[in-house]
């Protein structure tokens, strides 16, 4: 139960993986403003 154990949070941090014990940080889904959305489409 330490850095070598991938089932623990510390082990997942050490291995750089995610799962039930260490979930990925949630990103806030903010809708873009009307002007920014149109500008982004023209950029392609």
Protein backbone atom coordinates (compact mmCIF):
# COMPACT_ATOMS: atom_id res chain seq x y z
CA UNK A 1 0.00 0.00 0.00
CA UNK A 2 2.23 2.76 -1.28
CA UNK A 3 3.72 4.19 -4.44
CA UNK A 4 3.92 0.79 -6.12
CA UNK A 5 0.26 -0.08 -5.51
CA UNK A 6 -1.82 1.18 -8.45
CA UNK A 7 -5.05 0.67 -6.48
CA UNK A 8 -4.27 3.51 -4.06
CA UNK A 9 -4.44 7.24 -4.75
CA UNK A 10 -0.71 7.66 -4.05
CA UNK A 11 0.12 4.79 -6.42
CA UNK A 12 -2.02 6.34 -9.16
CA UNK A 13 -0.32 9.72 -8.71
CA UNK A 14 3.08 7.99 -8.94
CA UNK A 15 2.04 6.00 -12.04
CA UNK A 16 0.30 9.01 -13.60
CA UNK A 17 -2.99 7.21 -14.13
CA UNK A 18 -6.61 7.90 -13.24
CA UNK A 19 -9.50 5.74 -12.07
CA UNK A 20 -12.08 5.31 -9.32
CA UNK A 21 -9.68 6.25 -6.53
CA UNK A 22 -8.13 9.20 -8.39
CA UNK A 23 -10.57 10.82 -10.75
CA UNK A 24 -9.64 13.36 -13.41
CA UNK A 25 -10.30 16.99 -12.47
CA UNK A 26 -13.63 18.19 -13.80
CA UNK A 27 -13.45 20.99 -16.38
CA UNK A 28 -16.17 23.59 -16.30
CA UNK A 29 -18.11 23.55 -19.56
CA UNK A 30 -18.71 27.26 -20.15
CA UNK A 31 -20.44 28.09 -23.45
CA UNK A 32 -18.48 30.66 -25.49
CA UNK A 33 -19.86 34.14 -26.06
CA UNK A 34 -21.65 34.77 -29.36
CA UNK A 35 -18.84 36.91 -30.82
CA UNK A 36 -16.12 34.44 -29.87
CA UNK A 37 -17.97 31.47 -31.36
CA UNK A 38 -18.26 33.12 -34.80
CA UNK A 39 -14.61 34.21 -34.74
CA UNK A 40 -13.50 30.65 -33.93
CA UNK A 41 -15.36 29.22 -36.93
CA UNK A 42 -13.81 31.76 -39.33
CA UNK A 43 -10.32 30.82 -38.14
CA UNK A 44 -10.44 27.37 -39.77
